[in-house]
């Protein structure tokens, strides 16, 4: 027995006053209507309707049950109708988790513009560098940076590929010299971003050459902004996403080296529970993220 169907049949029998009329309203055969009613009464172990060839009436138990059933079905209808606006235009609250640095550098300045464009959408943005469980923690979307995205049942959209640069302040190079090859990094002060998948080993490629350099610096930190501060202070050099230091490189506060070697790239993804039934609010936010990160990707 499909319980919801049986409850709906029971309600319509009472509302229309006959099994035949309920069947016509629900487009069910008389046999299907009778079967649903009989199975419902069998499940409840109680008679809900007194039936004769000419009329039917509610029993005392049926009258009590009908009131509760009608209220439940009305609430279900109201719940379905409440989704209507969410399915038609961007509306509702989006819960989003995102890493701190990439959001502050590439996204946060544009968020007020997104909210102004979609006045019925609210955004609950949690900046947290840990890898959240999107489904378990109830997020609509998470922004995630990764050298390689793990297999997952979640849907993903790639937003940007961030290339990395090896850089330091001119004062550091004046004091310690510039590395001519990746192997020279063994004698340099390297600042490590510890949340990276390549924190302990930096890889460089040039043509057929591949150099993998083990890194064990004096300063290890879990914030890319702290890495940038160390670089600007002349403490050492680091491999860092180019968008984070683009302005510093352009202004001459930092200088890139080993520019003829290809370095690691980090992809930034939007992760969300499913590609099916994406509500308009999430869809327009995904499009907004794609546009914003594309402008930040750089050359």
C-alpha atoms as a PDB file:
ATOM      1  CA  UNK A   1       0.000   0.000   0.000  1.00  0.00           C
ATOM      2  CA  UNK A   2       1.180   3.481  -0.873  1.00  0.00           C
ATOM      3  CA  UNK A   3       0.193   5.209   2.327  1.00  0.00           C
ATOM      4  CA  UNK A   4       0.037   8.738   0.900  1.00  0.00           C
ATOM      5  CA  UNK A   5      -2.171   7.559  -1.960  1.00  0.00           C
ATOM      6  CA  UNK A   6      -4.448   5.722   0.476  1.00  0.00           C
ATOM      7  CA  UNK A   7      -4.769   8.815   2.681  1.00  0.00           C
ATOM      8  CA  UNK A   8      -5.551  10.962  -0.347  1.00  0.00           C
ATOM      9  CA  UNK A   9      -8.178   8.484  -1.534  1.00  0.00           C
ATOM     10  CA  UNK A  10      -9.796   8.412   1.912  1.00  0.00           C
ATOM     11  CA  UNK A  11      -9.956  12.167   2.074  1.00  0.00           C
ATOM     12  CA  UNK A  12     -11.523  12.493  -1.351  1.00  0.00           C
ATOM     13  CA  UNK A  13     -14.097   9.804  -0.593  1.00  0.00           C
ATOM     14  CA  UNK A  14     -15.228  11.841   2.391  1.00  0.00           C
ATOM     15  CA  UNK A  15     -15.065  15.164   0.523  1.00  0.00           C
ATOM     16  CA  UNK A  16     -17.042  13.935  -2.497  1.00  0.00           C
ATOM     17  CA  UNK A  17     -19.395  11.637  -0.609  1.00  0.00           C
ATOM     18  CA  UNK A  18     -18.802   8.557  -2.739  1.00  0.00           C
ATOM     19  CA  UNK A  19     -16.142   6.169  -3.900  1.00  0.00           C
ATOM     20  CA  UNK A  20     -17.057   6.697  -7.543  1.00  0.00           C
ATOM     21  CA  UNK A  21     -16.764  10.489  -7.328  1.00  0.00           C
ATOM     22  CA  UNK A  22     -13.413  10.193  -5.543  1.00  0.00           C
ATOM     23  CA  UNK A  23     -12.177   7.896  -8.310  1.00  0.00           C
ATOM     24  CA  UNK A  24     -13.217  10.363 -11.003  1.00  0.00           C
ATOM     25  CA  UNK A  25     -11.488  13.243  -9.206  1.00  0.00           C
ATOM     26  CA  UNK A  26      -8.287  11.238  -8.725  1.00  0.00           C
ATOM     27  CA  UNK A  27      -8.512   9.432 -12.075  1.00  0.00           C
ATOM     28  CA  UNK A  28      -8.533   6.054 -10.378  1.00  0.00           C
ATOM     29  CA  UNK A  29     -10.716   3.074 -11.191  1.00  0.00           C
ATOM     30  CA  UNK A  30     -13.471   2.104  -8.705  1.00  0.00           C
ATOM     31  CA  UNK A  31     -11.479  -1.037  -7.927  1.00  0.00           C
ATOM     32  CA  UNK A  32      -8.362   1.004  -7.097  1.00  0.00           C
ATOM     33  CA  UNK A  33     -10.346   3.309  -4.811  1.00  0.00           C
ATOM     34  CA  UNK A  34     -11.909   0.382  -2.956  1.00  0.00           C
ATOM     35  CA  UNK A  35      -8.557  -1.372  -2.679  1.00  0.00           C
ATOM     36  CA  UNK A  36      -6.837   1.685  -1.177  1.00  0.00           C
ATOM     37  CA  UNK A  37      -9.603   2.186   1.356  1.00  0.00           C
ATOM     38  CA  UNK A  38      -9.635  -1.486   2.338  1.00  0.00           C
ATOM     39  CA  UNK A  39      -5.848  -1.593   2.760  1.00  0.00           C
ATOM     40  CA  UNK A  40      -5.918   1.584   4.866  1.00  0.00           C
ATOM     41  CA  UNK A  41      -8.576   0.152   7.177  1.00  0.00           C
ATOM     42  CA  UNK A  42      -6.661  -3.123   7.397  1.00  0.00           C
ATOM     43  CA  UNK A  43      -3.497  -1.304   8.363  1.00  0.00           C
ATOM     44  CA  UNK A  44      -5.295   0.728  11.022  1.00  0.00           C
ATOM     45  CA  UNK A  45      -7.368  -2.248  12.198  1.00  0.00           C
ATOM     46  CA  UNK A  46     -10.430  -0.006  12.342  1.00  0.00           C
ATOM     47  CA  UNK A  47     -13.450   0.725  10.162  1.00  0.00           C
ATOM     48  CA  UNK A  48     -13.380   4.282   8.851  1.00  0.00           C
ATOM     49  CA  UNK A  49     -16.610   4.392   6.825  1.00  0.00           C
ATOM     50  CA  UNK A  50     -20.047   2.862   7.109  1.00  0.00           C
ATOM     51  CA  UNK A  51     -21.069   1.954   3.577  1.00  0.00           C
ATOM     52  CA  UNK A  52     -24.422   0.964   2.117  1.00  0.00           C
ATOM     53  CA  UNK A  53     -25.559   0.784  -1.477  1.00  0.00           C
ATOM     54  CA  UNK A  54     -27.029   4.297  -1.191  1.00  0.00           C
ATOM     55  CA  UNK A  55     -24.793   6.249   1.170  1.00  0.00           C
ATOM     56  CA  UNK A  56     -21.684   6.260   3.251  1.00  0.00           C
ATOM     57  CA  UNK A  57     -20.880   7.955   6.544  1.00  0.00           C
ATOM     58  CA  UNK A  58     -17.873   8.328   8.787  1.00  0.00           C
ATOM     59  CA  UNK A  59     -17.530   6.150  11.829  1.00  0.00           C
ATOM     60  CA  UNK A  60     -16.429   7.815  15.058  1.00  0.00           C
ATOM     61  CA  UNK A  61     -12.871   6.627  14.400  1.00  0.00           C
ATOM     62  CA  UNK A  62     -13.144   7.753  10.767  1.00  0.00           C
ATOM     63  CA  UNK A  63     -14.266  11.237  11.798  1.00  0.00           C
ATOM     64  CA  UNK A  64     -11.300  11.623  14.147  1.00  0.00           C
ATOM     65  CA  UNK A  65      -8.911  10.229  11.562  1.00  0.00           C
ATOM     66  CA  UNK A  66     -10.289  12.399   8.757  1.00  0.00           C
ATOM     67  CA  UNK A  67      -9.571  15.617  10.674  1.00  0.00           C
ATOM     68  CA  UNK A  68      -5.941  14.645  11.174  1.00  0.00           C
ATOM     69  CA  UNK A  69      -5.518  13.369   7.625  1.00  0.00           C
ATOM     70  CA  UNK A  70      -7.010  16.540   6.113  1.00  0.00           C
ATOM     71  CA  UNK A  71      -4.648  18.705   8.161  1.00  0.00           C
ATOM     72  CA  UNK A  72      -1.593  16.631   7.172  1.00  0.00           C
ATOM     73  CA  UNK A  73      -2.464  16.690   3.477  1.00  0.00           C
ATOM     74  CA  UNK A  74      -3.122  20.438   3.615  1.00  0.00           C
ATOM     75  CA  UNK A  75       0.278  20.938   5.233  1.00  0.00           C
ATOM     76  CA  UNK A  76       1.938  18.870   2.507  1.00  0.00           C
ATOM     77  CA  UNK A  77       0.221  20.938  -0.171  1.00  0.00           C
ATOM     78  CA  UNK A  78       1.362  24.125   1.563  1.00  0.00           C
ATOM     79  CA  UNK A  79       4.924  22.802   1.731  1.00  0.00           C
ATOM     80  CA  UNK A  80       4.853  22.083  -2.010  1.00  0.00           C
ATOM     81  CA  UNK A  81       3.454  25.536  -2.782  1.00  0.00           C
ATOM     82  CA  UNK A  82       6.096  27.194  -0.605  1.00  0.00           C
ATOM     83  CA  UNK A  83       8.765  25.869  -2.946  1.00  0.00           C
ATOM     84  CA  UNK A  84       7.141  27.603  -5.875  1.00  0.00           C
ATOM     85  CA  UNK A  85       8.953  30.941  -5.558  1.00  0.00           C
ATOM     86  CA  UNK A  86      12.284  29.165  -5.051  1.00  0.00           C
ATOM     87  CA  UNK A  87      11.770  27.227  -8.269  1.00  0.00           C
ATOM     88  CA  UNK A  88      10.718  30.255 -10.320  1.00  0.00           C
ATOM     89  CA  UNK A  89      13.121  33.079  -9.377  1.00  0.00           C
ATOM     90  CA  UNK A  90      16.317  33.344  -7.309  1.00  0.00           C
ATOM     91  CA  UNK A  91      15.187  33.475  -3.683  1.00  0.00           C
ATOM     92  CA  UNK A  92      15.997  32.016  -0.296  1.00  0.00           C
ATOM     93  CA  UNK A  93      19.139  31.561   1.786  1.00  0.00           C
ATOM     94  CA  UNK A  94      22.310  29.988   0.407  1.00  0.00           C
ATOM     95  CA  UNK A  95      24.722  28.405   2.897  1.00  0.00           C
ATOM     96  CA  UNK A  96      28.227  28.531   1.435  1.00  0.00           C
ATOM     97  CA  UNK A  97      31.602  27.444   2.826  1.00  0.00           C
ATOM     98  CA  UNK A  98      34.797  28.850   1.332  1.00  0.00           C
ATOM     99  CA  UNK A  99      38.519  29.105   2.109  1.00  0.00           C
ATOM    100  CA  UNK A 100      39.547  32.387   3.704  1.00  0.00           C
ATOM    101  CA  UNK A 101      42.297  33.664   1.409  1.00  0.00           C
ATOM    102  CA  UNK A 102      40.869  32.856  -2.010  1.00  0.00           C
ATOM    103  CA  UNK A 103      37.557  34.414  -0.950  1.00  0.00           C
ATOM    104  CA  UNK A 104      39.120  37.615   0.384  1.00  0.00           C
ATOM    105  CA  UNK A 105      41.410  38.000  -2.627  1.00  0.00           C
ATOM    106  CA  UNK A 106      39.158  36.902  -5.475  1.00  0.00           C
ATOM    107  CA  UNK A 107      35.534  37.109  -4.402  1.00  0.00           C
ATOM    108  CA  UNK A 108      34.403  39.022  -1.327  1.00  0.00           C
ATOM    109  CA  UNK A 109      34.531  42.496  -2.892  1.00  0.00           C
ATOM    110  CA  UNK A 110      32.022  41.377  -5.540  1.00  0.00           C
ATOM    111  CA  UNK A 111      29.500  39.688  -3.228  1.00  0.00           C
ATOM    112  CA  UNK A 112      27.546  42.883  -2.394  1.00  0.00           C
ATOM    113  CA  UNK A 113      27.020  43.340  -6.128  1.00  0.00           C
ATOM    114  CA  UNK A 114      25.607  39.815  -6.404  1.00  0.00           C
ATOM    115  CA  UNK A 115      23.217  40.427  -3.498  1.00  0.00           C
ATOM    116  CA  UNK A 116      22.127  43.765  -4.957  1.00  0.00           C
ATOM    117  CA  UNK A 117      21.362  42.017  -8.248  1.00  0.00           C
ATOM    118  CA  UNK A 118      19.252  39.358  -6.489  1.00  0.00           C
ATOM    119  CA  UNK A 119      17.391  41.062  -3.621  1.00  0.00           C
ATOM    120  CA  UNK A 120      15.420  37.926  -2.661  1.00  0.00           C
ATOM    121  CA  UNK A 121      18.591  35.914  -2.044  1.00  0.00           C
ATOM    122  CA  UNK A 122      20.380  35.833   1.314  1.00  0.00           C
ATOM    123  CA  UNK A 123      23.919  34.509   1.718  1.00  0.00           C
ATOM    124  CA  UNK A 124      25.299  32.751   4.786  1.00  0.00           C
ATOM    125  CA  UNK A 125      29.043  32.610   3.983  1.00  0.00           C
ATOM    126  CA  UNK A 126      31.347  30.664   6.288  1.00  0.00           C
ATOM    127  CA  UNK A 127      35.048  31.374   5.722  1.00  0.00           C
ATOM    128  CA  UNK A 128      36.925  28.315   6.901  1.00  0.00           C
ATOM    129  CA  UNK A 129      40.064  26.730   5.463  1.00  0.00           C
ATOM    130  CA  UNK A 130      39.093  23.248   6.629  1.00  0.00           C
ATOM    131  CA  UNK A 131      37.443  20.859   4.149  1.00  0.00           C
ATOM    132  CA  UNK A 132      33.769  20.840   5.125  1.00  0.00           C
ATOM    133  CA  UNK A 133      31.364  17.965   4.556  1.00  0.00           C
ATOM    134  CA  UNK A 134      28.866  19.678   2.245  1.00  0.00           C
ATOM    135  CA  UNK A 135      25.983  17.251   2.769  1.00  0.00           C
ATOM    136  CA  UNK A 136      26.504  16.390   6.444  1.00  0.00           C
ATOM    137  CA  UNK A 137      26.936  20.031   7.483  1.00  0.00           C
ATOM    138  CA  UNK A 138      24.032  21.276   5.395  1.00  0.00           C
ATOM    139  CA  UNK A 139      25.845  23.516   2.902  1.00  0.00           C
ATOM    140  CA  UNK A 140      24.381  24.351  -0.491  1.00  0.00           C
ATOM    141  CA  UNK A 141      27.860  24.868  -1.930  1.00  0.00           C
ATOM    142  CA  UNK A 142      31.528  24.823  -0.949  1.00  0.00           C
ATOM    143  CA  UNK A 143      34.424  26.487  -2.735  1.00  0.00           C
ATOM    144  CA  UNK A 144      37.459  24.243  -2.698  1.00  0.00           C
ATOM    145  CA  UNK A 145      41.016  24.567  -3.957  1.00  0.00           C
ATOM    146  CA  UNK A 146      42.751  21.347  -4.913  1.00  0.00           C
ATOM    147  CA  UNK A 147      45.677  20.130  -7.011  1.00  0.00           C
ATOM    148  CA  UNK A 148      43.457  17.162  -7.925  1.00  0.00           C
ATOM    149  CA  UNK A 149      39.799  16.733  -7.028  1.00  0.00           C
ATOM    150  CA  UNK A 150      39.031  13.457  -5.286  1.00  0.00           C
ATOM    151  CA  UNK A 151      36.327  11.147  -6.594  1.00  0.00           C
ATOM    152  CA  UNK A 152      32.990  12.104  -5.099  1.00  0.00           C
ATOM    153  CA  UNK A 153      29.275  11.723  -5.563  1.00  0.00           C
ATOM    154  CA  UNK A 154      29.025  15.507  -5.309  1.00  0.00           C
ATOM    155  CA  UNK A 155      28.749  17.742  -8.370  1.00  0.00           C
ATOM    156  CA  UNK A 156      31.658  20.041  -9.181  1.00  0.00           C
ATOM    157  CA  UNK A 157      32.256  23.033 -11.432  1.00  0.00           C
ATOM    158  CA  UNK A 158      35.797  24.250 -12.027  1.00  0.00           C
ATOM    159  CA  UNK A 159      35.951  28.000 -11.490  1.00  0.00           C
ATOM    160  CA  UNK A 160      39.598  28.877 -12.020  1.00  0.00           C
ATOM    161  CA  UNK A 161      43.099  27.487 -12.362  1.00  0.00           C
ATOM    162  CA  UNK A 162      45.617  29.400 -10.254  1.00  0.00           C
ATOM    163  CA  UNK A 163      49.202  29.188 -11.403  1.00  0.00           C
ATOM    164  CA  UNK A 164      51.888  29.632  -8.759  1.00  0.00           C
ATOM    165  CA  UNK A 165      54.931  31.884  -8.760  1.00  0.00           C
ATOM    166  CA  UNK A 166      58.183  31.580  -6.849  1.00  0.00           C
ATOM    167  CA  UNK A 167      58.905  35.019  -5.460  1.00  0.00           C
ATOM    168  CA  UNK A 168      60.500  37.100  -2.730  1.00  0.00           C
ATOM    169  CA  UNK A 169      61.184  40.734  -1.915  1.00  0.00           C
ATOM    170  CA  UNK A 170      64.012  42.499  -3.769  1.00  0.00           C
ATOM    171  CA  UNK A 171      65.706  43.031  -0.403  1.00  0.00           C
ATOM    172  CA  UNK A 172      65.855  39.272   0.166  1.00  0.00           C
ATOM    173  CA  UNK A 173      67.456  38.675  -3.221  1.00  0.00           C
ATOM    174  CA  UNK A 174      69.917  41.512  -2.598  1.00  0.00           C
ATOM    175  CA  UNK A 175      71.005  39.769   0.605  1.00  0.00           C
ATOM    176  CA  UNK A 176      70.974  36.121  -0.488  1.00  0.00           C
ATOM    177  CA  UNK A 177      70.988  36.104  -4.273  1.00  0.00           C
ATOM    178  CA  UNK A 178      68.500  34.644  -6.736  1.00  0.00           C
ATOM    179  CA  UNK A 179      68.186  30.896  -7.367  1.00  0.00           C
ATOM    180  CA  UNK A 180      69.302  30.051 -10.890  1.00  0.00           C
ATOM    181  CA  UNK A 181      67.900  26.525 -10.766  1.00  0.00           C
ATOM    182  CA  UNK A 182      65.377  24.721  -8.545  1.00  0.00           C
ATOM    183  CA  UNK A 183      68.228  22.885  -6.776  1.00  0.00           C
ATOM    184  CA  UNK A 184      69.472  26.237  -5.459  1.00  0.00           C
ATOM    185  CA  UNK A 185      66.400  26.429  -3.221  1.00  0.00           C
ATOM    186  CA  UNK A 186      68.092  24.031  -0.804  1.00  0.00           C
ATOM    187  CA  UNK A 187      70.192  26.917   0.494  1.00  0.00           C
ATOM    188  CA  UNK A 188      67.360  29.469   0.632  1.00  0.00           C
ATOM    189  CA  UNK A 189      64.845  30.326   3.375  1.00  0.00           C
ATOM    190  CA  UNK A 190      61.589  28.864   2.100  1.00  0.00           C
ATOM    191  CA  UNK A 191      58.230  29.795   3.642  1.00  0.00           C
ATOM    192  CA  UNK A 192      55.754  26.896   3.524  1.00  0.00           C
ATOM    193  CA  UNK A 193      51.974  27.064   3.245  1.00  0.00           C
ATOM    194  CA  UNK A 194      51.074  23.920   5.171  1.00  0.00           C
ATOM    195  CA  UNK A 195      47.518  23.409   3.907  1.00  0.00           C
ATOM    196  CA  UNK A 196      48.802  22.867   0.396  1.00  0.00           C
ATOM    197  CA  UNK A 197      49.081  19.388  -1.042  1.00  0.00           C
ATOM    198  CA  UNK A 198      52.623  20.241  -2.106  1.00  0.00           C
ATOM    199  CA  UNK A 199      53.870  21.876   1.098  1.00  0.00           C
ATOM    200  CA  UNK A 200      56.762  19.446   1.638  1.00  0.00           C
ATOM    201  CA  UNK A 201      57.883  19.199  -1.985  1.00  0.00           C
ATOM    202  CA  UNK A 202      57.919  21.831  -4.698  1.00  0.00           C
ATOM    203  CA  UNK A 203      57.912  20.618  -8.291  1.00  0.00           C
ATOM    204  CA  UNK A 204      59.336  22.457 -11.295  1.00  0.00           C
ATOM    205  CA  UNK A 205      59.229  21.480 -14.977  1.00  0.00           C
ATOM    206  CA  UNK A 206      61.077  22.820 -18.010  1.00  0.00           C
ATOM    207  CA  UNK A 207      60.785  20.841 -21.185  1.00  0.00           C
ATOM    208  CA  UNK A 208      61.803  17.292 -20.291  1.00  0.00           C
ATOM    209  CA  UNK A 209      63.395  18.359 -17.011  1.00  0.00           C
ATOM    210  CA  UNK A 210      61.558  17.722 -13.752  1.00  0.00           C
ATOM    211  CA  UNK A 211      62.910  18.936 -10.424  1.00  0.00           C
ATOM    212  CA  UNK A 212      61.283  17.962  -7.137  1.00  0.00           C
ATOM    213  CA  UNK A 213      62.734  19.830  -4.194  1.00  0.00           C
ATOM    214  CA  UNK A 214      62.088  18.735  -0.607  1.00  0.00           C
ATOM    215  CA  UNK A 215      61.200  21.763   1.509  1.00  0.00           C
ATOM    216  CA  UNK A 216      61.700  22.078   5.253  1.00  0.00           C
ATOM    217  CA  UNK A 217      61.669  25.780   6.102  1.00  0.00           C
ATOM    218  CA  UNK A 218      61.939  27.554   9.443  1.00  0.00           C
ATOM    219  CA  UNK A 219      58.526  29.183   8.903  1.00  0.00           C
ATOM    220  CA  UNK A 220      55.527  26.945   8.289  1.00  0.00           C
ATOM    221  CA  UNK A 221      52.086  28.560   8.331  1.00  0.00           C
ATOM    222  CA  UNK A 222      48.472  27.726   7.444  1.00  0.00           C
ATOM    223  CA  UNK A 223      47.580  31.082   5.863  1.00  0.00           C
ATOM    224  CA  UNK A 224      48.640  32.258   2.413  1.00  0.00           C
ATOM    225  CA  UNK A 225      48.207  35.849   3.585  1.00  0.00           C
ATOM    226  CA  UNK A 226      50.773  35.162   6.310  1.00  0.00           C
ATOM    227  CA  UNK A 227      53.104  33.741   3.649  1.00  0.00           C
ATOM    228  CA  UNK A 228      52.686  36.956   1.673  1.00  0.00           C
ATOM    229  CA  UNK A 229      53.469  39.052   4.753  1.00  0.00           C
ATOM    230  CA  UNK A 230      56.669  37.072   5.318  1.00  0.00           C
ATOM    231  CA  UNK A 231      57.700  37.617   1.715  1.00  0.00           C
ATOM    232  CA  UNK A 232      57.048  41.358   1.880  1.00  0.00           C
ATOM    233  CA  UNK A 233      59.106  41.499   5.076  1.00  0.00           C
ATOM    234  CA  UNK A 234      62.073  40.004   3.216  1.00  0.00           C
ATOM    235  CA  UNK A 235      62.127  36.852   5.349  1.00  0.00           C
ATOM    236  CA  UNK A 236      62.398  34.348   2.510  1.00  0.00           C
ATOM    237  CA  UNK A 237      60.850  33.128  -0.707  1.00  0.00           C
ATOM    238  CA  UNK A 238      57.834  30.957  -1.393  1.00  0.00           C
ATOM    239  CA  UNK A 239      55.730  29.264  -4.002  1.00  0.00           C
ATOM    240  CA  UNK A 240      52.388  31.085  -3.836  1.00  0.00           C
ATOM    241  CA  UNK A 241      49.287  31.463  -6.061  1.00  0.00           C
ATOM    242  CA  UNK A 242      49.873  34.344  -8.456  1.00  0.00           C
ATOM    243  CA  UNK A 243      46.542  36.142  -7.778  1.00  0.00           C
ATOM    244  CA  UNK A 244      47.546  36.566  -4.116  1.00  0.00           C
ATOM    245  CA  UNK A 245      50.660  38.581  -5.009  1.00  0.00           C
ATOM    246  CA  UNK A 246      49.714  40.024  -8.399  1.00  0.00           C
ATOM    247  CA  UNK A 247      49.607  43.592  -7.130  1.00  0.00           C
ATOM    248  CA  UNK A 248      52.888  43.190  -5.246  1.00  0.00           C
ATOM    249  CA  UNK A 249      54.621  41.831  -8.347  1.00  0.00           C
ATOM    250  CA  UNK A 250      53.275  44.662 -10.500  1.00  0.00           C
ATOM    251  CA  UNK A 251      54.392  47.269  -7.939  1.00  0.00           C
ATOM    252  CA  UNK A 252      57.855  45.752  -7.536  1.00  0.00           C
ATOM    253  CA  UNK A 253      57.391  44.864  -3.877  1.00  0.00           C
ATOM    254  CA  UNK A 254      57.993  41.225  -4.834  1.00  0.00           C
ATOM    255  CA  UNK A 255      59.917  39.705  -7.711  1.00  0.00           C
ATOM    256  CA  UNK A 256      59.330  36.350  -9.382  1.00  0.00           C
ATOM    257  CA  UNK A 257      62.237  34.008 -10.155  1.00  0.00           C
ATOM    258  CA  UNK A 258      62.691  30.769 -12.105  1.00  0.00           C
ATOM    259  CA  UNK A 259      60.054  32.141 -14.468  1.00  0.00           C
ATOM    260  CA  UNK A 260      61.172  29.786 -17.249  1.00  0.00           C
ATOM    261  CA  UNK A 261      60.108  26.790 -15.141  1.00  0.00           C
ATOM    262  CA  UNK A 262      56.499  25.606 -14.952  1.00  0.00           C
ATOM    263  CA  UNK A 263      55.211  25.334 -11.400  1.00  0.00           C
ATOM    264  CA  UNK A 264      52.267  23.756  -9.638  1.00  0.00           C
ATOM    265  CA  UNK A 265      48.731  24.837 -10.473  1.00  0.00           C
ATOM    266  CA  UNK A 266      45.746  24.730  -8.131  1.00  0.00           C
ATOM    267  CA  UNK A 267      42.200  24.413  -9.446  1.00  0.00           C
ATOM    268  CA  UNK A 268      39.365  26.122  -7.602  1.00  0.00           C
ATOM    269  CA  UNK A 269      36.044  24.274  -7.674  1.00  0.00           C
ATOM    270  CA  UNK A 270      32.469  24.891  -6.642  1.00  0.00           C
ATOM    271  CA  UNK A 271      31.236  21.701  -4.960  1.00  0.00           C
ATOM    272  CA  UNK A 272      27.491  21.155  -4.488  1.00  0.00           C
ATOM    273  CA  UNK A 273      25.259  18.177  -3.687  1.00  0.00           C
ATOM    274  CA  UNK A 274      23.718  17.425  -7.081  1.00  0.00           C
ATOM    275  CA  UNK A 275      23.240  18.708 -10.614  1.00  0.00           C
ATOM    276  CA  UNK A 276      19.582  17.673 -10.429  1.00  0.00           C
ATOM    277  CA  UNK A 277      16.976  20.145  -9.185  1.00  0.00           C
ATOM    278  CA  UNK A 278      19.388  23.049  -8.787  1.00  0.00           C
ATOM    279  CA  UNK A 279      17.269  25.903  -7.444  1.00  0.00           C
ATOM    280  CA  UNK A 280      17.516  29.286  -9.209  1.00  0.00           C
ATOM    281  CA  UNK A 281      19.365  30.923  -6.282  1.00  0.00           C
ATOM    282  CA  UNK A 282      22.147  28.339  -6.463  1.00  0.00           C
ATOM    283  CA  UNK A 283      22.232  28.438 -10.249  1.00  0.00           C
ATOM    284  CA  UNK A 284      22.751  32.215 -10.414  1.00  0.00           C
ATOM    285  CA  UNK A 285      25.354  32.028  -7.639  1.00  0.00           C
ATOM    286  CA  UNK A 286      27.270  29.385  -9.601  1.00  0.00           C
ATOM    287  CA  UNK A 287      27.196  31.628 -12.676  1.00  0.00           C
ATOM    288  CA  UNK A 288      28.357  34.569 -10.553  1.00  0.00           C
ATOM    289  CA  UNK A 289      31.264  32.524  -9.168  1.00  0.00           C
ATOM    290  CA  UNK A 290      32.277  31.411 -12.656  1.00  0.00           C
ATOM    291  CA  UNK A 291      32.354  34.992 -13.941  1.00  0.00           C
ATOM    292  CA  UNK A 292      34.226  36.395 -10.946  1.00  0.00           C
ATOM    293  CA  UNK A 293      36.895  33.736 -10.754  1.00  0.00           C
ATOM    294  CA  UNK A 294      37.410  33.850 -14.502  1.00  0.00           C
ATOM    295  CA  UNK A 295      38.318  37.545 -14.236  1.00  0.00           C
ATOM    296  CA  UNK A 296      40.764  36.736 -11.418  1.00  0.00           C
ATOM    297  CA  UNK A 297      42.527  33.891 -13.201  1.00  0.00           C
ATOM    298  CA  UNK A 298      44.931  36.236 -14.942  1.00  0.00           C
ATOM    299  CA  UNK A 299      47.049  35.520 -17.989  1.00  0.00           C
END
